[in-house]
């Protein structure tokens, strides 16, 4: 629940109706990206390992949250779903790569916060509703 206070609360302090509506949009985008990141990671890990991995599900939810934090107030809901989906894939790929090259990261913190954080910053440029691919191809 802390992520909602972080994302929504940092959106212009929600001091009037306009920023309140933006805060609601941020909450929706946060929810969509988190859910999509978790589901994507859960399904991809099941396809690869043929086992249900709840730890990967939890990290996938975090991957979606980290991915949407930078662009949360500047993207539409459809873009938030795509950002969460790609965040789940970025996390899964990074985690599997780290295991393959034997990097010791038992909780996948660098995959969640490093790789997905980089993806979130790139997603801000790609999907911004005023300058990204969605409308004006301004990047």
C-alpha atoms as a PDB file:
ATOM      1  CA  UNK A   1       0.000   0.000   0.000  1.00  0.00           C
ATOM      2  CA  UNK A   2       2.959   2.310   0.478  1.00  0.00           C
ATOM      3  CA  UNK A   3       3.498   2.571  -3.256  1.00  0.00           C
ATOM      4  CA  UNK A   4       0.118   4.285  -3.670  1.00  0.00           C
ATOM      5  CA  UNK A   5       1.042   6.950  -1.143  1.00  0.00           C
ATOM      6  CA  UNK A   6       4.378   7.384  -2.850  1.00  0.00           C
ATOM      7  CA  UNK A   7       3.065   7.648  -6.421  1.00  0.00           C
ATOM      8  CA  UNK A   8      -0.217   9.471  -5.762  1.00  0.00           C
ATOM      9  CA  UNK A   9       1.076  11.663  -2.960  1.00  0.00           C
ATOM     10  CA  UNK A  10       3.964  12.985  -5.000  1.00  0.00           C
ATOM     11  CA  UNK A  11       1.574  14.093  -7.757  1.00  0.00           C
ATOM     12  CA  UNK A  12       1.356  17.817  -7.007  1.00  0.00           C
ATOM     13  CA  UNK A  13       0.104  17.144  -3.451  1.00  0.00           C
ATOM     14  CA  UNK A  14      -3.483  16.669  -4.754  1.00  0.00           C
ATOM     15  CA  UNK A  15      -4.476  20.155  -3.590  1.00  0.00           C
ATOM     16  CA  UNK A  16      -7.397  20.816  -5.958  1.00  0.00           C
ATOM     17  CA  UNK A  17      -9.837  18.973  -8.239  1.00  0.00           C
ATOM     18  CA  UNK A  18      -7.460  18.802 -11.196  1.00  0.00           C
ATOM     19  CA  UNK A  19      -4.601  17.295  -9.217  1.00  0.00           C
ATOM     20  CA  UNK A  20      -7.083  15.012  -7.446  1.00  0.00           C
ATOM     21  CA  UNK A  21      -8.172  13.636 -10.829  1.00  0.00           C
ATOM     22  CA  UNK A  22      -4.530  13.187 -11.779  1.00  0.00           C
ATOM     23  CA  UNK A  23      -3.958  11.380  -8.475  1.00  0.00           C
ATOM     24  CA  UNK A  24      -6.794   8.998  -9.364  1.00  0.00           C
ATOM     25  CA  UNK A  25      -5.215   8.380 -12.777  1.00  0.00           C
ATOM     26  CA  UNK A  26      -1.885   7.675 -11.066  1.00  0.00           C
ATOM     27  CA  UNK A  27      -3.555   5.171  -8.710  1.00  0.00           C
ATOM     28  CA  UNK A  28      -5.183   3.411 -11.675  1.00  0.00           C
ATOM     29  CA  UNK A  29      -1.911   3.276 -13.619  1.00  0.00           C
ATOM     30  CA  UNK A  30      -0.081   1.945 -10.555  1.00  0.00           C
ATOM     31  CA  UNK A  31      -2.659  -0.820 -10.092  1.00  0.00           C
ATOM     32  CA  UNK A  32      -2.695  -1.827 -13.766  1.00  0.00           C
ATOM     33  CA  UNK A  33       1.084  -1.968 -14.127  1.00  0.00           C
ATOM     34  CA  UNK A  34       1.544  -3.939 -10.895  1.00  0.00           C
ATOM     35  CA  UNK A  35      -1.109  -6.498 -11.845  1.00  0.00           C
ATOM     36  CA  UNK A  36       0.184  -6.872 -15.390  1.00  0.00           C
ATOM     37  CA  UNK A  37       3.806  -7.231 -14.274  1.00  0.00           C
ATOM     38  CA  UNK A  38       2.877  -9.936 -11.768  1.00  0.00           C
ATOM     39  CA  UNK A  39       0.684 -11.907 -14.155  1.00  0.00           C
ATOM     40  CA  UNK A  40       3.254 -11.686 -16.957  1.00  0.00           C
ATOM     41  CA  UNK A  41       6.090 -12.925 -14.752  1.00  0.00           C
ATOM     42  CA  UNK A  42       3.935 -15.697 -13.269  1.00  0.00           C
ATOM     43  CA  UNK A  43       2.909 -17.010 -16.701  1.00  0.00           C
ATOM     44  CA  UNK A  44       6.376 -16.735 -18.266  1.00  0.00           C
ATOM     45  CA  UNK A  45       8.023 -18.536 -15.338  1.00  0.00           C
ATOM     46  CA  UNK A  46       5.381 -21.273 -15.483  1.00  0.00           C
ATOM     47  CA  UNK A  47       5.991 -21.754 -19.214  1.00  0.00           C
ATOM     48  CA  UNK A  48       9.754 -21.969 -18.642  1.00  0.00           C
ATOM     49  CA  UNK A  49       9.869 -24.097 -15.459  1.00  0.00           C
ATOM     50  CA  UNK A  50       6.455 -25.872 -15.433  1.00  0.00           C
ATOM     51  CA  UNK A  51       6.133 -24.863 -11.760  1.00  0.00           C
ATOM     52  CA  UNK A  52       4.141 -22.146 -10.068  1.00  0.00           C
ATOM     53  CA  UNK A  53       6.603 -19.654  -8.585  1.00  0.00           C
ATOM     54  CA  UNK A  54       4.982 -17.351  -6.024  1.00  0.00           C
ATOM     55  CA  UNK A  55       8.298 -15.586  -5.359  1.00  0.00           C
ATOM     56  CA  UNK A  56       8.507 -14.660  -9.034  1.00  0.00           C
ATOM     57  CA  UNK A  57       4.883 -13.476  -8.880  1.00  0.00           C
ATOM     58  CA  UNK A  58       5.721 -11.134  -5.987  1.00  0.00           C
ATOM     59  CA  UNK A  59       8.824  -9.848  -7.750  1.00  0.00           C
ATOM     60  CA  UNK A  60       6.786  -9.409 -10.945  1.00  0.00           C
ATOM     61  CA  UNK A  61       4.337  -7.204  -9.045  1.00  0.00           C
ATOM     62  CA  UNK A  62       7.283  -5.173  -7.747  1.00  0.00           C
ATOM     63  CA  UNK A  63       8.699  -5.045 -11.283  1.00  0.00           C
ATOM     64  CA  UNK A  64       5.432  -3.528 -12.523  1.00  0.00           C
ATOM     65  CA  UNK A  65       5.453  -1.021  -9.665  1.00  0.00           C
ATOM     66  CA  UNK A  66       9.049   0.023 -10.289  1.00  0.00           C
ATOM     67  CA  UNK A  67       8.395   0.268 -14.029  1.00  0.00           C
ATOM     68  CA  UNK A  68       5.397   2.600 -13.617  1.00  0.00           C
ATOM     69  CA  UNK A  69       6.849   4.864 -10.913  1.00  0.00           C
ATOM     70  CA  UNK A  70       8.606   7.296 -13.278  1.00  0.00           C
ATOM     71  CA  UNK A  71       5.810   7.651 -15.876  1.00  0.00           C
ATOM     72  CA  UNK A  72       2.802   7.145 -13.570  1.00  0.00           C
ATOM     73  CA  UNK A  73       1.364  10.645 -14.008  1.00  0.00           C
ATOM     74  CA  UNK A  74       2.161  11.060 -17.697  1.00  0.00           C
ATOM     75  CA  UNK A  75       0.750   7.977 -19.414  1.00  0.00           C
ATOM     76  CA  UNK A  76      -2.676   6.630 -20.264  1.00  0.00           C
ATOM     77  CA  UNK A  77      -4.040   3.422 -18.758  1.00  0.00           C
ATOM     78  CA  UNK A  78      -3.385   1.326 -21.867  1.00  0.00           C
ATOM     79  CA  UNK A  79       0.226   2.419 -21.813  1.00  0.00           C
ATOM     80  CA  UNK A  80       0.433   1.522 -18.113  1.00  0.00           C
ATOM     81  CA  UNK A  81      -0.649  -2.032 -18.960  1.00  0.00           C
ATOM     82  CA  UNK A  82       2.045  -2.286 -21.637  1.00  0.00           C
ATOM     83  CA  UNK A  83       4.668  -0.780 -19.316  1.00  0.00           C
ATOM     84  CA  UNK A  84       3.810  -3.366 -16.643  1.00  0.00           C
ATOM     85  CA  UNK A  85       3.880  -6.213 -19.165  1.00  0.00           C
ATOM     86  CA  UNK A  86       7.284  -5.212 -20.502  1.00  0.00           C
ATOM     87  CA  UNK A  87       8.486  -4.630 -16.929  1.00  0.00           C
ATOM     88  CA  UNK A  88       7.553  -8.229 -16.093  1.00  0.00           C
ATOM     89  CA  UNK A  89       9.478  -9.467 -19.122  1.00  0.00           C
ATOM     90  CA  UNK A  90      12.485  -7.277 -18.284  1.00  0.00           C
ATOM     91  CA  UNK A  91      12.523  -8.625 -14.729  1.00  0.00           C
ATOM     92  CA  UNK A  92      12.228 -12.250 -15.865  1.00  0.00           C
ATOM     93  CA  UNK A  93      14.985 -11.897 -18.458  1.00  0.00           C
ATOM     94  CA  UNK A  94      17.304 -10.092 -16.063  1.00  0.00           C
ATOM     95  CA  UNK A  95      16.692 -12.610 -13.280  1.00  0.00           C
ATOM     96  CA  UNK A  96      17.341 -15.601 -15.526  1.00  0.00           C
ATOM     97  CA  UNK A  97      20.472 -13.963 -16.946  1.00  0.00           C
ATOM     98  CA  UNK A  98      21.839 -13.322 -13.457  1.00  0.00           C
ATOM     99  CA  UNK A  99      21.265 -16.945 -12.491  1.00  0.00           C
ATOM    100  CA  UNK A 100      22.954 -18.123 -15.683  1.00  0.00           C
ATOM    101  CA  UNK A 101      26.102 -16.046 -15.086  1.00  0.00           C
ATOM    102  CA  UNK A 102      26.014 -16.941 -11.364  1.00  0.00           C
ATOM    103  CA  UNK A 103      25.590 -13.449  -9.911  1.00  0.00           C
ATOM    104  CA  UNK A 104      24.653 -13.723  -6.244  1.00  0.00           C
ATOM    105  CA  UNK A 105      21.415 -11.766  -5.808  1.00  0.00           C
ATOM    106  CA  UNK A 106      19.131 -13.969  -3.693  1.00  0.00           C
ATOM    107  CA  UNK A 107      16.127 -11.630  -3.736  1.00  0.00           C
ATOM    108  CA  UNK A 108      16.565 -10.357  -7.331  1.00  0.00           C
ATOM    109  CA  UNK A 109      16.825  -6.768  -6.091  1.00  0.00           C
ATOM    110  CA  UNK A 110      19.004  -5.635  -8.989  1.00  0.00           C
ATOM    111  CA  UNK A 111      16.610  -7.200 -11.499  1.00  0.00           C
ATOM    112  CA  UNK A 112      13.580  -5.556  -9.890  1.00  0.00           C
ATOM    113  CA  UNK A 113      15.000  -2.142  -9.080  1.00  0.00           C
ATOM    114  CA  UNK A 114      17.889  -1.843 -11.529  1.00  0.00           C
ATOM    115  CA  UNK A 115      16.631  -3.343 -14.774  1.00  0.00           C
ATOM    116  CA  UNK A 116      12.993  -2.341 -14.288  1.00  0.00           C
ATOM    117  CA  UNK A 117      14.011   1.118 -13.078  1.00  0.00           C
ATOM    118  CA  UNK A 118      15.925   1.658 -16.302  1.00  0.00           C
ATOM    119  CA  UNK A 119      12.914   0.398 -18.257  1.00  0.00           C
ATOM    120  CA  UNK A 120      10.627   2.792 -16.355  1.00  0.00           C
ATOM    121  CA  UNK A 121      12.774   5.794 -17.257  1.00  0.00           C
ATOM    122  CA  UNK A 122      12.797   4.752 -20.920  1.00  0.00           C
ATOM    123  CA  UNK A 123       9.034   4.171 -20.796  1.00  0.00           C
ATOM    124  CA  UNK A 124       8.575   7.736 -19.588  1.00  0.00           C
ATOM    125  CA  UNK A 125      10.097   8.999 -22.829  1.00  0.00           C
ATOM    126  CA  UNK A 126       8.333   6.461 -25.041  1.00  0.00           C
ATOM    127  CA  UNK A 127       4.778   6.606 -23.709  1.00  0.00           C
ATOM    128  CA  UNK A 128       4.348  10.174 -22.393  1.00  0.00           C
ATOM    129  CA  UNK A 129       0.908  11.320 -23.512  1.00  0.00           C
ATOM    130  CA  UNK A 130       2.241  14.577 -24.884  1.00  0.00           C
ATOM    131  CA  UNK A 131       5.525  13.551 -26.444  1.00  0.00           C
ATOM    132  CA  UNK A 132       5.796   9.783 -26.865  1.00  0.00           C
ATOM    133  CA  UNK A 133       4.736   7.202 -29.419  1.00  0.00           C
ATOM    134  CA  UNK A 134       1.066   7.389 -28.412  1.00  0.00           C
ATOM    135  CA  UNK A 135       0.317  10.767 -30.002  1.00  0.00           C
ATOM    136  CA  UNK A 136       2.985  12.974 -31.500  1.00  0.00           C
ATOM    137  CA  UNK A 137       6.104  10.832 -31.952  1.00  0.00           C
ATOM    138  CA  UNK A 138       8.060  13.517 -30.162  1.00  0.00           C
ATOM    139  CA  UNK A 139      10.966  11.404 -28.947  1.00  0.00           C
END
